[in-house]
């Protein structure tokens, strides 16, 4: 797998993400947190999904304080 990326984004929108972040997202797209399914397939009422939502809320609260 290449560690260098050829495209560079100079737009005012989202910034380029580190390759490690993209690789983690890539891996968890098909198997979120070892559950065997994608987060996109998971019920919004499942414990794993609720834990993800709660963690995201906590991170936003930390950023806002």
PDB file of N, CA and C in Angstrom:
ATOM      1  N   UNK A   1       0.848  -1.177   0.000  1.00  0.00           N
ATOM      2  CA  UNK A   1       0.000   0.000   0.000  1.00  0.00           C
ATOM      3  C   UNK A   1       0.893   1.240   0.000  1.00  0.00           C
ATOM      4  N   UNK A   2       0.535   2.185  -0.811  1.00  0.00           N
ATOM      5  CA  UNK A   2       1.321   3.413  -0.923  1.00  0.00           C
ATOM      6  C   UNK A   2       1.129   4.293   0.305  1.00  0.00           C
ATOM      7  N   UNK A   3       2.218   4.891   0.748  1.00  0.00           N
ATOM      8  CA  UNK A   3       2.132   5.801   1.887  1.00  0.00           C
ATOM      9  C   UNK A   3       2.095   7.250   1.433  1.00  0.00           C
ATOM     10  N   UNK A   4       2.254   7.470   0.127  1.00  0.00           N
ATOM     11  CA  UNK A   4       2.244   8.830  -0.403  1.00  0.00           C
ATOM     12  C   UNK A   4       0.998   9.029  -1.250  1.00  0.00           C
ATOM     13  N   UNK A   5       0.386  10.177  -1.127  1.00  0.00           N
ATOM     14  CA  UNK A   5      -0.816  10.482  -1.893  1.00  0.00           C
ATOM     15  C   UNK A   5      -0.476  11.543  -2.921  1.00  0.00           C
ATOM     16  N   UNK A   6      -1.041  11.403  -4.115  1.00  0.00           N
ATOM     17  CA  UNK A   6      -0.683  12.317  -5.195  1.00  0.00           C
ATOM     18  C   UNK A   6      -1.621  13.518  -5.288  1.00  0.00           C
ATOM     19  N   UNK A   7      -2.848  13.389  -4.832  1.00  0.00           N
ATOM     20  CA  UNK A   7      -3.802  14.494  -4.930  1.00  0.00           C
ATOM     21  C   UNK A   7      -3.648  15.433  -3.740  1.00  0.00           C
ATOM     22  N   UNK A   8      -3.712  16.708  -4.015  1.00  0.00           N
ATOM     23  CA  UNK A   8      -3.630  17.724  -2.965  1.00  0.00           C
ATOM     24  C   UNK A   8      -4.869  18.602  -3.080  1.00  0.00           C
ATOM     25  N   UNK A   9      -5.523  18.856  -1.960  1.00  0.00           N
ATOM     26  CA  UNK A   9      -6.745  19.648  -1.940  1.00  0.00           C
ATOM     27  C   UNK A   9      -6.433  21.049  -1.435  1.00  0.00           C
ATOM     28  N   UNK A  10      -6.577  22.043  -2.316  1.00  0.00           N
ATOM     29  CA  UNK A  10      -6.365  23.429  -1.917  1.00  0.00           C
ATOM     30  C   UNK A  10      -7.694  24.161  -1.712  1.00  0.00           C
ATOM     31  N   UNK A  11      -8.797  23.446  -1.719  1.00  0.00           N
ATOM     32  CA  UNK A  11     -10.108  24.055  -1.566  1.00  0.00           C
ATOM     33  C   UNK A  11     -10.324  24.586  -0.160  1.00  0.00           C
ATOM     34  N   UNK A  12     -11.318  25.439  -0.028  1.00  0.00           N
ATOM     35  CA  UNK A  12     -11.626  26.044   1.267  1.00  0.00           C
ATOM     36  C   UNK A  12     -12.437  25.111   2.158  1.00  0.00           C
ATOM     37  N   UNK A  13     -12.852  23.990   1.635  1.00  0.00           N
ATOM     38  CA  UNK A  13     -13.688  23.057   2.390  1.00  0.00           C
ATOM     39  C   UNK A  13     -12.880  22.115   3.249  1.00  0.00           C
ATOM     40  N   UNK A  14     -13.288  20.854   3.311  1.00  0.00           N
ATOM     41  CA  UNK A  14     -12.614  19.872   4.164  1.00  0.00           C
ATOM     42  C   UNK A  14     -11.133  19.722   3.829  1.00  0.00           C
ATOM     43  N   UNK A  15     -10.342  19.472   4.840  1.00  0.00           N
ATOM     44  CA  UNK A  15      -8.904  19.296   4.668  1.00  0.00           C
ATOM     45  C   UNK A  15      -8.585  17.836   4.356  1.00  0.00           C
ATOM     46  N   UNK A  16      -7.401  17.620   3.826  1.00  0.00           N
ATOM     47  CA  UNK A  16      -6.931  16.273   3.556  1.00  0.00           C
ATOM     48  C   UNK A  16      -6.699  15.564   4.889  1.00  0.00           C
ATOM     49  N   UNK A  17      -7.169  14.328   4.984  1.00  0.00           N
ATOM     50  CA  UNK A  17      -7.023  13.552   6.215  1.00  0.00           C
ATOM     51  C   UNK A  17      -5.738  12.744   6.183  1.00  0.00           C
ATOM     52  N   UNK A  18      -5.143  12.504   7.346  1.00  0.00           N
ATOM     53  CA  UNK A  18      -3.950  11.655   7.396  1.00  0.00           C
ATOM     54  C   UNK A  18      -4.266  10.250   6.887  1.00  0.00           C
ATOM     55  N   UNK A  19      -3.301   9.627   6.240  1.00  0.00           N
ATOM     56  CA  UNK A  19      -3.495   8.299   5.669  1.00  0.00           C
ATOM     57  C   UNK A  19      -3.876   7.272   6.734  1.00  0.00           C
ATOM     58  N   UNK A  20      -3.332   7.384   7.931  1.00  0.00           N
ATOM     59  CA  UNK A  20      -3.691   6.455   9.013  1.00  0.00           C
ATOM     60  C   UNK A  20      -5.177   6.536   9.345  1.00  0.00           C
ATOM     61  N   UNK A  21      -5.721   7.742   9.339  1.00  0.00           N
ATOM     62  CA  UNK A  21      -7.149   7.940   9.624  1.00  0.00           C
ATOM     63  C   UNK A  21      -7.989   7.306   8.526  1.00  0.00           C
ATOM     64  N   UNK A  22      -7.606   7.534   7.279  1.00  0.00           N
ATOM     65  CA  UNK A  22      -8.348   6.961   6.158  1.00  0.00           C
ATOM     66  C   UNK A  22      -8.296   5.437   6.166  1.00  0.00           C
ATOM     67  N   UNK A  23      -7.142   4.877   6.495  1.00  0.00           N
ATOM     68  CA  UNK A  23      -7.024   3.415   6.540  1.00  0.00           C
ATOM     69  C   UNK A  23      -7.871   2.817   7.656  1.00  0.00           C
ATOM     70  N   UNK A  24      -7.951   3.489   8.799  1.00  0.00           N
ATOM     71  CA  UNK A  24      -8.803   2.990   9.883  1.00  0.00           C
ATOM     72  C   UNK A  24     -10.272   3.046   9.462  1.00  0.00           C
ATOM     73  N   UNK A  25     -10.675   4.154   8.844  1.00  0.00           N
ATOM     74  CA  UNK A  25     -12.055   4.281   8.367  1.00  0.00           C
ATOM     75  C   UNK A  25     -12.356   3.221   7.310  1.00  0.00           C
ATOM     76  N   UNK A  26     -11.398   2.976   6.437  1.00  0.00           N
ATOM     77  CA  UNK A  26     -11.563   1.965   5.390  1.00  0.00           C
ATOM     78  C   UNK A  26     -11.795   0.590   6.009  1.00  0.00           C
ATOM     79  N   UNK A  27     -10.992   0.245   6.991  1.00  0.00           N
ATOM     80  CA  UNK A  27     -11.130  -1.057   7.637  1.00  0.00           C
ATOM     81  C   UNK A  27     -12.433  -1.203   8.395  1.00  0.00           C
ATOM     82  N   UNK A  28     -12.843  -0.150   9.073  1.00  0.00           N
ATOM     83  CA  UNK A  28     -14.055  -0.227   9.887  1.00  0.00           C
ATOM     84  C   UNK A  28     -15.327  -0.010   9.077  1.00  0.00           C
ATOM     85  N   UNK A  29     -15.174   0.378   7.818  1.00  0.00           N
ATOM     86  CA  UNK A  29     -16.352   0.526   6.968  1.00  0.00           C
ATOM     87  C   UNK A  29     -17.029  -0.825   6.767  1.00  0.00           C
ATOM     88  N   UNK A  30     -16.229  -1.879   6.662  1.00  0.00           N
ATOM     89  CA  UNK A  30     -16.781  -3.215   6.449  1.00  0.00           C
ATOM     90  C   UNK A  30     -16.970  -3.995   7.743  1.00  0.00           C
ATOM     91  N   UNK A  31     -16.235  -3.631   8.777  1.00  0.00           N
ATOM     92  CA  UNK A  31     -16.299  -4.369  10.045  1.00  0.00           C
ATOM     93  C   UNK A  31     -16.084  -3.383  11.182  1.00  0.00           C
ATOM     94  N   UNK A  32     -17.155  -2.749  11.629  1.00  0.00           N
ATOM     95  CA  UNK A  32     -17.037  -1.731  12.664  1.00  0.00           C
ATOM     96  C   UNK A  32     -16.742  -2.362  14.015  1.00  0.00           C
ATOM     97  N   UNK A  33     -15.615  -1.989  14.586  1.00  0.00           N
ATOM     98  CA  UNK A  33     -15.254  -2.364  15.958  1.00  0.00           C
ATOM     99  C   UNK A  33     -15.334  -3.874  16.209  1.00  0.00           C
ATOM    100  N   UNK A  34     -15.011  -4.673  15.198  1.00  0.00           N
ATOM    101  CA  UNK A  34     -15.033  -6.131  15.345  1.00  0.00           C
ATOM    102  C   UNK A  34     -16.420  -6.745  15.385  1.00  0.00           C
ATOM    103  N   UNK A  35     -17.449  -5.977  15.008  1.00  0.00           N
ATOM    104  CA  UNK A  35     -18.823  -6.472  15.075  1.00  0.00           C
ATOM    105  C   UNK A  35     -19.176  -7.400  13.918  1.00  0.00           C
ATOM    106  N   UNK A  36     -18.382  -7.359  12.833  1.00  0.00           N
ATOM    107  CA  UNK A  36     -18.676  -8.181  11.664  1.00  0.00           C
ATOM    108  C   UNK A  36     -19.575  -7.507  10.651  1.00  0.00           C
ATOM    109  N   UNK A  37     -20.071  -6.315  10.976  1.00  0.00           N
ATOM    110  CA  UNK A  37     -20.907  -5.571  10.028  1.00  0.00           C
ATOM    111  C   UNK A  37     -20.470  -4.111   9.984  1.00  0.00           C
ATOM    112  N   UNK A  38     -20.894  -3.445   8.934  1.00  0.00           N
ATOM    113  CA  UNK A  38     -20.576  -2.032   8.761  1.00  0.00           C
ATOM    114  C   UNK A  38     -21.437  -1.180   9.686  1.00  0.00           C
ATOM    115  N   UNK A  39     -20.911  -0.038  10.075  1.00  0.00           N
ATOM    116  CA  UNK A  39     -21.702   0.895  10.881  1.00  0.00           C
ATOM    117  C   UNK A  39     -22.946   1.339  10.111  1.00  0.00           C
ATOM    118  N   UNK A  40     -22.850   1.312   8.771  1.00  0.00           N
ATOM    119  CA  UNK A  40     -23.988   1.713   7.939  1.00  0.00           C
ATOM    120  C   UNK A  40     -25.092   0.666   7.934  1.00  0.00           C
ATOM    121  N   UNK A  41     -24.763  -0.567   8.310  1.00  0.00           N
ATOM    122  CA  UNK A  41     -25.744  -1.648   8.362  1.00  0.00           C
ATOM    123  C   UNK A  41     -26.328  -1.836   9.756  1.00  0.00           C
ATOM    124  N   UNK A  42     -25.722  -1.204  10.717  1.00  0.00           N
ATOM    125  CA  UNK A  42     -26.061  -1.414  12.115  1.00  0.00           C
ATOM    126  C   UNK A  42     -27.342  -0.661  12.495  1.00  0.00           C
ATOM    127  N   UNK A  43     -28.125  -1.271  13.337  1.00  0.00           N
ATOM    128  CA  UNK A  43     -29.326  -0.610  13.840  1.00  0.00           C
ATOM    129  C   UNK A  43     -28.946   0.608  14.675  1.00  0.00           C
ATOM    130  N   UNK A  44     -29.697   1.669  14.506  1.00  0.00           N
ATOM    131  CA  UNK A  44     -29.432   2.865  15.307  1.00  0.00           C
ATOM    132  C   UNK A  44     -29.795   2.645  16.775  1.00  0.00           C
ATOM    133  N   UNK A  45     -30.412   1.531  17.075  1.00  0.00           N
ATOM    134  CA  UNK A  45     -30.762   1.204  18.459  1.00  0.00           C
ATOM    135  C   UNK A  45     -29.765   0.241  19.104  1.00  0.00           C
ATOM    136  N   UNK A  46     -28.774  -0.221  18.331  1.00  0.00           N
ATOM    137  CA  UNK A  46     -27.814  -1.192  18.872  1.00  0.00           C
ATOM    138  C   UNK A  46     -26.875  -0.523  19.871  1.00  0.00           C
ATOM    139  N   UNK A  47     -26.313  -1.332  20.743  1.00  0.00           N
ATOM    140  CA  UNK A  47     -25.388  -0.815  21.760  1.00  0.00           C
ATOM    141  C   UNK A  47     -24.140  -0.211  21.119  1.00  0.00           C
ATOM    142  N   UNK A  48     -23.611  -0.858  20.071  1.00  0.00           N
ATOM    143  CA  UNK A  48     -22.418  -0.324  19.397  1.00  0.00           C
ATOM    144  C   UNK A  48     -22.689   1.047  18.782  1.00  0.00           C
ATOM    145  N   UNK A  49     -23.831   1.193  18.133  1.00  0.00           N
ATOM    146  CA  UNK A  49     -24.153   2.470  17.501  1.00  0.00           C
ATOM    147  C   UNK A  49     -24.375   3.546  18.560  1.00  0.00           C
ATOM    148  N   UNK A  50     -25.079   3.207  19.618  1.00  0.00           N
ATOM    149  CA  UNK A  50     -25.313   4.178  20.689  1.00  0.00           C
ATOM    150  C   UNK A  50     -24.002   4.600  21.344  1.00  0.00           C
ATOM    151  N   UNK A  51     -23.075   3.653  21.499  1.00  0.00           N
ATOM    152  CA  UNK A  51     -21.764   3.985  22.063  1.00  0.00           C
ATOM    153  C   UNK A  51     -21.022   4.952  21.151  1.00  0.00           C
ATOM    154  N   UNK A  52     -21.122   4.746  19.839  1.00  0.00           N
ATOM    155  CA  UNK A  52     -20.489   5.651  18.879  1.00  0.00           C
ATOM    156  C   UNK A  52     -21.093   7.051  18.973  1.00  0.00           C
ATOM    157  N   UNK A  53     -22.407   7.133  19.034  1.00  0.00           N
ATOM    158  CA  UNK A  53     -23.091   8.427  19.147  1.00  0.00           C
ATOM    159  C   UNK A  53     -22.691   9.123  20.445  1.00  0.00           C
ATOM    160  N   UNK A  54     -22.680   8.393  21.535  1.00  0.00           N
ATOM    161  CA  UNK A  54     -22.318   8.992  22.826  1.00  0.00           C
ATOM    162  C   UNK A  54     -20.873   9.471  22.844  1.00  0.00           C
ATOM    163  N   UNK A  55     -19.976   8.694  22.238  1.00  0.00           N
ATOM    164  CA  UNK A  55     -18.570   9.111  22.159  1.00  0.00           C
ATOM    165  C   UNK A  55     -18.433  10.378  21.317  1.00  0.00           C
ATOM    166  N   UNK A  56     -19.175  10.445  20.220  1.00  0.00           N
ATOM    167  CA  UNK A  56     -19.134  11.642  19.370  1.00  0.00           C
ATOM    168  C   UNK A  56     -19.661  12.859  20.130  1.00  0.00           C
ATOM    169  N   UNK A  57     -20.746  12.677  20.865  1.00  0.00           N
ATOM    170  CA  UNK A  57     -21.296  13.780  21.666  1.00  0.00           C
ATOM    171  C   UNK A  57     -20.286  14.258  22.705  1.00  0.00           C
ATOM    172  N   UNK A  58     -19.633  13.312  23.367  1.00  0.00           N
ATOM    173  CA  UNK A  58     -18.630  13.676  24.376  1.00  0.00           C
ATOM    174  C   UNK A  58     -17.477  14.453  23.755  1.00  0.00           C
ATOM    175  N   UNK A  59     -17.032  14.034  22.576  1.00  0.00           N
ATOM    176  CA  UNK A  59     -15.935  14.730  21.900  1.00  0.00           C
ATOM    177  C   UNK A  59     -16.338  16.150  21.509  1.00  0.00           C
ATOM    178  N   UNK A  60     -17.560  16.318  21.024  1.00  0.00           N
ATOM    179  CA  UNK A  60     -18.046  17.657  20.656  1.00  0.00           C
ATOM    180  C   UNK A  60     -18.131  18.541  21.896  1.00  0.00           C
ATOM    181  N   UNK A  61     -18.621  17.986  23.000  1.00  0.00           N
ATOM    182  CA  UNK A  61     -18.698  18.756  24.245  1.00  0.00           C
ATOM    183  C   UNK A  61     -17.319  19.217  24.698  1.00  0.00           C
ATOM    184  N   UNK A  62     -16.318  18.332  24.585  1.00  0.00           N
ATOM    185  CA  UNK A  62     -14.947  18.700  24.960  1.00  0.00           C
ATOM    186  C   UNK A  62     -14.412  19.812  24.065  1.00  0.00           C
ATOM    187  N   UNK A  63     -14.719  19.742  22.788  1.00  0.00           N
ATOM    188  CA  UNK A  63     -14.253  20.767  21.855  1.00  0.00           C
ATOM    189  C   UNK A  63     -14.919  22.118  22.105  1.00  0.00           C
ATOM    190  N   UNK A  64     -16.162  22.101  22.565  1.00  0.00           N
ATOM    191  CA  UNK A  64     -16.925  23.335  22.746  1.00  0.00           C
ATOM    192  C   UNK A  64     -16.621  24.012  24.082  1.00  0.00           C
ATOM    193  N   UNK A  65     -16.051  23.287  25.020  1.00  0.00           N
ATOM    194  CA  UNK A  65     -15.784  23.866  26.348  1.00  0.00           C
ATOM    195  C   UNK A  65     -14.430  24.500  26.439  1.00  0.00           C
TER     196      UNK A  65
END
